[in-house]
PDB file of all heavy atoms in Angstrom:
ATOM      1  N   SER A   1     -41.341 -58.036 -33.655  1.00  0.00           N
ATOM      2  CA  SER A   1     -40.458 -58.306 -34.775  1.00  0.00           C
ATOM      3  C   SER A   1     -40.625 -57.133 -35.729  1.00  0.00           C
ATOM      4  O   SER A   1     -41.743 -56.779 -36.098  1.00  0.00           O
ATOM      5  CB  SER A   1     -40.857 -59.608 -35.458  1.00  0.00           C
ATOM      6  OG  SER A   1     -40.069 -59.807 -36.611  1.00  0.00           O
ATOM      7  N   VAL A   2     -39.505 -56.522 -36.101  1.00  0.00           N
ATOM      8  CA  VAL A   2     -39.563 -55.335 -36.953  1.00  0.00           C
ATOM      9  C   VAL A   2     -38.624 -55.501 -38.139  1.00  0.00           C
ATOM     10  O   VAL A   2     -37.640 -56.236 -38.074  1.00  0.00           O
ATOM     11  CB  VAL A   2     -39.233 -54.046 -36.162  1.00  0.00           C
ATOM     12  CG1 VAL A   2     -40.285 -53.791 -35.094  1.00  0.00           C
ATOM     13  CG2 VAL A   2     -37.854 -54.113 -35.530  1.00  0.00           C
ATOM     14  N   HIS A   3     -38.949 -54.811 -39.208  1.00  0.00           N
ATOM     15  CA  HIS A   3     -38.149 -54.897 -40.431  1.00  0.00           C
ATOM     16  C   HIS A   3     -36.787 -54.228 -40.275  1.00  0.00           C
ATOM     17  O   HIS A   3     -35.810 -54.673 -40.858  1.00  0.00           O
ATOM     18  CB  HIS A   3     -38.922 -54.285 -41.598  1.00  0.00           C
ATOM     19  CG  HIS A   3     -38.204 -54.401 -42.905  1.00  0.00           C
ATOM     20  ND1 HIS A   3     -38.068 -55.599 -43.565  1.00  0.00           N
ATOM     21  CD2 HIS A   3     -37.571 -53.473 -43.651  1.00  0.00           C
ATOM     22  CE1 HIS A   3     -37.377 -55.399 -44.668  1.00  0.00           C
ATOM     23  NE2 HIS A   3     -37.073 -54.127 -44.755  1.00  0.00           N
ATOM     24  N   ASP A   4     -36.704 -53.163 -39.496  1.00  0.00           N
ATOM     25  CA  ASP A   4     -35.465 -52.423 -39.299  1.00  0.00           C
ATOM     26  C   ASP A   4     -35.421 -51.951 -37.846  1.00  0.00           C
ATOM     27  O   ASP A   4     -35.971 -50.911 -37.503  1.00  0.00           O
ATOM     28  CB  ASP A   4     -35.422 -51.232 -40.253  1.00  0.00           C
ATOM     29  CG  ASP A   4     -34.129 -50.439 -40.196  1.00  0.00           C
ATOM     30  OD1 ASP A   4     -33.404 -50.511 -39.183  1.00  0.00           O
ATOM     31  OD2 ASP A   4     -33.846 -49.716 -41.171  1.00  0.00           O
ATOM     32  N   ALA A   5     -34.783 -52.736 -36.983  1.00  0.00           N
ATOM     33  CA  ALA A   5     -34.797 -52.462 -35.548  1.00  0.00           C
ATOM     34  C   ALA A   5     -34.124 -51.131 -35.200  1.00  0.00           C
ATOM     35  O   ALA A   5     -34.577 -50.434 -34.292  1.00  0.00           O
ATOM     36  CB  ALA A   5     -34.146 -53.600 -34.774  1.00  0.00           C
ATOM     37  N   ARG A   6     -33.077 -50.765 -35.908  1.00  0.00           N
ATOM     38  CA  ARG A   6     -32.432 -49.481 -35.622  1.00  0.00           C
ATOM     39  C   ARG A   6     -33.407 -48.324 -35.878  1.00  0.00           C
ATOM     40  O   ARG A   6     -33.528 -47.403 -35.081  1.00  0.00           O
ATOM     41  CB  ARG A   6     -31.166 -49.330 -36.447  1.00  0.00           C
ATOM     42  CG  ARG A   6     -30.024 -50.183 -35.938  1.00  0.00           C
ATOM     43  CD  ARG A   6     -28.810 -50.165 -36.886  1.00  0.00           C
ATOM     44  NE  ARG A   6     -27.733 -50.978 -36.358  1.00  0.00           N
ATOM     45  CZ  ARG A   6     -27.668 -52.314 -36.462  1.00  0.00           C
ATOM     46  NH1 ARG A   6     -28.621 -52.984 -37.078  1.00  0.00           N
ATOM     47  NH2 ARG A   6     -26.647 -52.977 -35.946  1.00  0.00           N
ATOM     48  N   LYS A   7     -34.105 -48.392 -36.997  1.00  0.00           N
ATOM     49  CA  LYS A   7     -35.095 -47.369 -37.329  1.00  0.00           C
ATOM     50  C   LYS A   7     -36.230 -47.380 -36.300  1.00  0.00           C
ATOM     51  O   LYS A   7     -36.718 -46.330 -35.886  1.00  0.00           O
ATOM     52  CB  LYS A   7     -35.643 -47.621 -38.739  1.00  0.00           C
ATOM     53  CG  LYS A   7     -36.644 -46.601 -39.220  1.00  0.00           C
ATOM     54  CD  LYS A   7     -37.068 -46.907 -40.652  1.00  0.00           C
ATOM     55  CE  LYS A   7     -38.115 -45.933 -41.145  1.00  0.00           C
ATOM     56  NZ  LYS A   7     -38.540 -46.246 -42.518  1.00  0.00           N
ATOM     57  N   ALA A   8     -36.660 -48.565 -35.894  1.00  0.00           N
ATOM     58  CA  ALA A   8     -37.730 -48.683 -34.898  1.00  0.00           C
ATOM     59  C   ALA A   8     -37.307 -48.052 -33.577  1.00  0.00           C
ATOM     60  O   ALA A   8     -38.084 -47.303 -32.971  1.00  0.00           O
ATOM     61  CB  ALA A   8     -38.106 -50.148 -34.686  1.00  0.00           C
ATOM     62  N   LEU A   9     -36.103 -48.324 -33.125  1.00  0.00           N
ATOM     63  CA  LEU A   9     -35.624 -47.748 -31.869  1.00  0.00           C
ATOM     64  C   LEU A   9     -35.582 -46.230 -31.952  1.00  0.00           C
ATOM     65  O   LEU A   9     -36.024 -45.537 -31.028  1.00  0.00           O
ATOM     66  CB  LEU A   9     -34.249 -48.316 -31.509  1.00  0.00           C
ATOM     67  CG  LEU A   9     -34.246 -49.785 -31.089  1.00  0.00           C
ATOM     68  CD1 LEU A   9     -32.826 -50.337 -31.080  1.00  0.00           C
ATOM     69  CD2 LEU A   9     -34.925 -49.981 -29.749  1.00  0.00           C
ATOM     70  N   ASP A  10     -35.090 -45.706 -33.059  1.00  0.00           N
ATOM     71  CA  ASP A  10     -35.062 -44.247 -33.245  1.00  0.00           C
ATOM     72  C   ASP A  10     -36.482 -43.672 -33.232  1.00  0.00           C
ATOM     73  O   ASP A  10     -36.739 -42.640 -32.617  1.00  0.00           O
ATOM     74  CB  ASP A  10     -34.377 -43.871 -34.567  1.00  0.00           C
ATOM     75  CG  ASP A  10     -32.881 -44.122 -34.547  1.00  0.00           C
ATOM     76  OD1 ASP A  10     -32.291 -44.301 -33.458  1.00  0.00           O
ATOM     77  OD2 ASP A  10     -32.288 -44.144 -35.659  1.00  0.00           O
ATOM     78  N   TYR A  11     -37.406 -44.354 -33.915  1.00  0.00           N
ATOM     79  CA  TYR A  11     -38.788 -43.874 -33.985  1.00  0.00           C
ATOM     80  C   TYR A  11     -39.432 -43.861 -32.597  1.00  0.00           C
ATOM     81  O   TYR A  11     -40.034 -42.863 -32.199  1.00  0.00           O
ATOM     82  CB  TYR A  11     -39.620 -44.729 -34.940  1.00  0.00           C
ATOM     83  CG  TYR A  11     -41.067 -44.302 -34.954  1.00  0.00           C
ATOM     84  CD1 TYR A  11     -41.474 -43.210 -35.714  1.00  0.00           C
ATOM     85  CD2 TYR A  11     -42.019 -44.951 -34.176  1.00  0.00           C
ATOM     86  CE1 TYR A  11     -42.796 -42.778 -35.705  1.00  0.00           C
ATOM     87  CE2 TYR A  11     -43.338 -44.525 -34.164  1.00  0.00           C
ATOM     88  CZ  TYR A  11     -43.719 -43.439 -34.927  1.00  0.00           C
ATOM     89  OH  TYR A  11     -45.020 -43.018 -34.897  1.00  0.00           O
ATOM     90  N   TYR A  12     -39.336 -44.951 -31.867  1.00  0.00           N
ATOM     91  CA  TYR A  12     -39.990 -45.035 -30.556  1.00  0.00           C
ATOM     92  C   TYR A  12     -39.419 -44.007 -29.578  1.00  0.00           C
ATOM     93  O   TYR A  12     -40.145 -43.469 -28.746  1.00  0.00           O
ATOM     94  CB  TYR A  12     -39.911 -46.449 -29.989  1.00  0.00           C
ATOM     95  CG  TYR A  12     -40.651 -47.459 -30.835  1.00  0.00           C
ATOM     96  CD1 TYR A  12     -40.136 -48.717 -31.081  1.00  0.00           C
ATOM     97  CD2 TYR A  12     -41.884 -47.156 -31.414  1.00  0.00           C
ATOM     98  CE1 TYR A  12     -40.810 -49.640 -31.870  1.00  0.00           C
ATOM     99  CE2 TYR A  12     -42.565 -48.063 -32.206  1.00  0.00           C
ATOM    100  CZ  TYR A  12     -42.015 -49.306 -32.428  1.00  0.00           C
ATOM    101  OH  TYR A  12     -42.689 -50.211 -33.213  1.00  0.00           O
ATOM    102  N   GLN A  13     -38.139 -43.711 -29.703  1.00  0.00           N
ATOM    103  CA  GLN A  13     -37.552 -42.671 -28.856  1.00  0.00           C
ATOM    104  C   GLN A  13     -38.093 -41.302 -29.232  1.00  0.00           C
ATOM    105  O   GLN A  13     -38.504 -40.526 -28.368  1.00  0.00           O
ATOM    106  CB  GLN A  13     -36.025 -42.719 -28.964  1.00  0.00           C
ATOM    107  CG  GLN A  13     -35.436 -43.949 -28.286  1.00  0.00           C
ATOM    108  CD  GLN A  13     -33.956 -44.148 -28.573  1.00  0.00           C
ATOM    109  OE1 GLN A  13     -33.260 -43.225 -28.974  1.00  0.00           O
ATOM    110  NE2 GLN A  13     -33.485 -45.369 -28.379  1.00  0.00           N
ATOM    111  N   ALA A  14     -38.132 -40.992 -30.531  1.00  0.00           N
ATOM    112  CA  ALA A  14     -38.591 -39.671 -30.981  1.00  0.00           C
ATOM    113  C   ALA A  14     -40.093 -39.491 -30.778  1.00  0.00           C
ATOM    114  O   ALA A  14     -40.543 -38.420 -30.369  1.00  0.00           O
ATOM    115  CB  ALA A  14     -38.238 -39.473 -32.461  1.00  0.00           C
ATOM    116  N   ALA A  15     -40.873 -40.521 -31.060  1.00  0.00           N
ATOM    117  CA  ALA A  15     -42.330 -40.409 -31.017  1.00  0.00           C
ATOM    118  C   ALA A  15     -42.896 -40.513 -29.607  1.00  0.00           C
ATOM    119  O   ALA A  15     -43.786 -39.752 -29.235  1.00  0.00           O
ATOM    120  CB  ALA A  15     -42.963 -41.483 -31.904  1.00  0.00           C
ATOM    121  N   PHE A  16     -42.390 -41.462 -28.826  1.00  0.00           N
ATOM    122  CA  PHE A  16     -43.019 -41.788 -27.557  1.00  0.00           C
ATOM    123  C   PHE A  16     -42.107 -41.607 -26.341  1.00  0.00           C
ATOM    124  O   PHE A  16     -42.478 -41.977 -25.236  1.00  0.00           O
ATOM    125  CB  PHE A  16     -43.543 -43.229 -27.584  1.00  0.00           C
ATOM    126  CG  PHE A  16     -44.462 -43.515 -28.736  1.00  0.00           C
ATOM    127  CD1 PHE A  16     -44.230 -44.586 -29.575  1.00  0.00           C
ATOM    128  CD2 PHE A  16     -45.565 -42.705 -29.003  1.00  0.00           C
ATOM    129  CE1 PHE A  16     -45.080 -44.863 -30.648  1.00  0.00           C
ATOM    130  CE2 PHE A  16     -46.414 -42.962 -30.074  1.00  0.00           C
ATOM    131  CZ  PHE A  16     -46.167 -44.041 -30.894  1.00  0.00           C
ATOM    132  N   GLY A  17     -40.913 -41.071 -26.559  1.00  0.00           N
ATOM    133  CA  GLY A  17     -40.001 -40.869 -25.439  1.00  0.00           C
ATOM    134  C   GLY A  17     -39.454 -42.163 -24.864  1.00  0.00           C
ATOM    135  O   GLY A  17     -39.072 -42.226 -23.695  1.00  0.00           O
ATOM    136  N   ALA A  18     -39.397 -43.210 -25.681  1.00  0.00           N
ATOM    137  CA  ALA A  18     -38.878 -44.497 -25.210  1.00  0.00           C
ATOM    138  C   ALA A  18     -37.432 -44.352 -24.754  1.00  0.00           C
ATOM    139  O   ALA A  18     -36.663 -43.566 -25.322  1.00  0.00           O
ATOM    140  CB  ALA A  18     -38.966 -45.544 -26.324  1.00  0.00           C
ATOM    141  N   VAL A  19     -37.089 -45.123 -23.747  1.00  0.00           N
ATOM    142  CA  VAL A  19     -35.717 -45.170 -23.241  1.00  0.00           C
ATOM    143  C   VAL A  19     -35.166 -46.551 -23.567  1.00  0.00           C
ATOM    144  O   VAL A  19     -35.759 -47.567 -23.188  1.00  0.00           O
ATOM    145  CB  VAL A  19     -35.679 -44.925 -21.715  1.00  0.00           C
ATOM    146  CG1 VAL A  19     -34.263 -45.075 -21.185  1.00  0.00           C
ATOM    147  CG2 VAL A  19     -36.249 -43.555 -21.384  1.00  0.00           C
ATOM    148  N   GLU A  20     -34.062 -46.578 -24.294  1.00  0.00           N
ATOM    149  CA  GLU A  20     -33.437 -47.856 -24.639  1.00  0.00           C
ATOM    150  C   GLU A  20     -32.693 -48.383 -23.423  1.00  0.00           C
ATOM    151  O   GLU A  20     -31.824 -47.711 -22.869  1.00  0.00           O
ATOM    152  CB  GLU A  20     -32.486 -47.673 -25.818  1.00  0.00           C
ATOM    153  CG  GLU A  20     -31.907 -48.977 -26.309  1.00  0.00           C
ATOM    154  CD  GLU A  20     -31.064 -48.826 -27.561  1.00  0.00           C
ATOM    155  OE1 GLU A  20     -31.382 -47.956 -28.407  1.00  0.00           O
ATOM    156  OE2 GLU A  20     -30.090 -49.576 -27.689  1.00  0.00           O
ATOM    157  N   MET A  21     -33.034 -49.602 -23.027  1.00  0.00           N
ATOM    158  CA  MET A  21     -32.434 -50.217 -21.854  1.00  0.00           C
ATOM    159  C   MET A  21     -31.273 -51.137 -22.221  1.00  0.00           C
ATOM    160  O   MET A  21     -30.334 -51.269 -21.455  1.00  0.00           O
ATOM    161  CB  MET A  21     -33.488 -51.012 -21.072  1.00  0.00           C
ATOM    162  CG  MET A  21     -34.714 -50.182 -20.670  1.00  0.00           C
ATOM    163  SD  MET A  21     -34.306 -48.690 -19.728  1.00  0.00           S
ATOM    164  CE  MET A  21     -33.765 -49.428 -18.201  1.00  0.00           C
ATOM    165  N   MET A  22     -31.365 -51.782 -23.354  1.00  0.00           N
ATOM    166  CA  MET A  22     -30.258 -52.628 -23.806  1.00  0.00           C
ATOM    167  C   MET A  22     -30.434 -52.962 -25.278  1.00  0.00           C
ATOM    168  O   MET A  22     -31.526 -52.862 -25.815  1.00  0.00           O
ATOM    169  CB  MET A  22     -30.122 -53.900 -22.967  1.00  0.00           C
ATOM    170  CG  MET A  22     -31.231 -54.927 -23.100  1.00  0.00           C
ATOM    171  SD  MET A  22     -31.005 -56.145 -24.428  1.00  0.00           S
ATOM    172  CE  MET A  22     -29.490 -56.930 -24.008  1.00  0.00           C
ATOM    173  N   ARG A  23     -29.306 -53.355 -25.893  1.00  0.00           N
ATOM    174  CA  ARG A  23     -29.302 -53.732 -27.309  1.00  0.00           C
ATOM    175  C   ARG A  23     -28.227 -54.789 -27.503  1.00  0.00           C
ATOM    176  O   ARG A  23     -27.097 -54.631 -27.057  1.00  0.00           O
ATOM    177  CB  ARG A  23     -28.977 -52.507 -28.156  1.00  0.00           C
ATOM    178  CG  ARG A  23     -28.906 -52.767 -29.648  1.00  0.00           C
ATOM    179  CD  ARG A  23     -28.380 -51.583 -30.423  1.00  0.00           C
ATOM    180  NE  ARG A  23     -29.225 -50.402 -30.288  1.00  0.00           N
ATOM    181  CZ  ARG A  23     -29.268 -49.415 -31.166  1.00  0.00           C
ATOM    182  NH1 ARG A  23     -28.526 -49.460 -32.257  1.00  0.00           N
ATOM    183  NH2 ARG A  23     -30.039 -48.368 -30.965  1.00  0.00           N
ATOM    184  N   TRP A  24     -28.585 -55.870 -28.189  1.00  0.00           N
ATOM    185  CA  TRP A  24     -27.614 -56.888 -28.545  1.00  0.00           C
ATOM    186  C   TRP A  24     -27.626 -57.009 -30.064  1.00  0.00           C
ATOM    187  O   TRP A  24     -28.671 -57.251 -30.677  1.00  0.00           O
ATOM    188  CB  TRP A  24     -27.955 -58.245 -27.920  1.00  0.00           C
ATOM    189  CG  TRP A  24     -26.993 -59.323 -28.335  1.00  0.00           C
ATOM    190  CD1 TRP A  24     -25.729 -59.519 -27.863  1.00  0.00           C
ATOM    191  CD2 TRP A  24     -27.206 -60.324 -29.331  1.00  0.00           C
ATOM    192  NE1 TRP A  24     -25.145 -60.588 -28.506  1.00  0.00           N
ATOM    193  CE2 TRP A  24     -26.036 -61.100 -29.414  1.00  0.00           C
ATOM    194  CE3 TRP A  24     -28.280 -60.633 -30.164  1.00  0.00           C
ATOM    195  CZ2 TRP A  24     -25.905 -62.165 -30.285  1.00  0.00           C
ATOM    196  CZ3 TRP A  24     -28.146 -61.695 -31.045  1.00  0.00           C
ATOM    197  CH2 TRP A  24     -26.966 -62.454 -31.092  1.00  0.00           C
TER     198      TRP A  24
END
């Protein structure tokens, strides 16, 4: 659970190379 999911997704991609698989 995060305060700002859009910001979290951007952070995890930039910091850890996360790949977004889906978003609802």
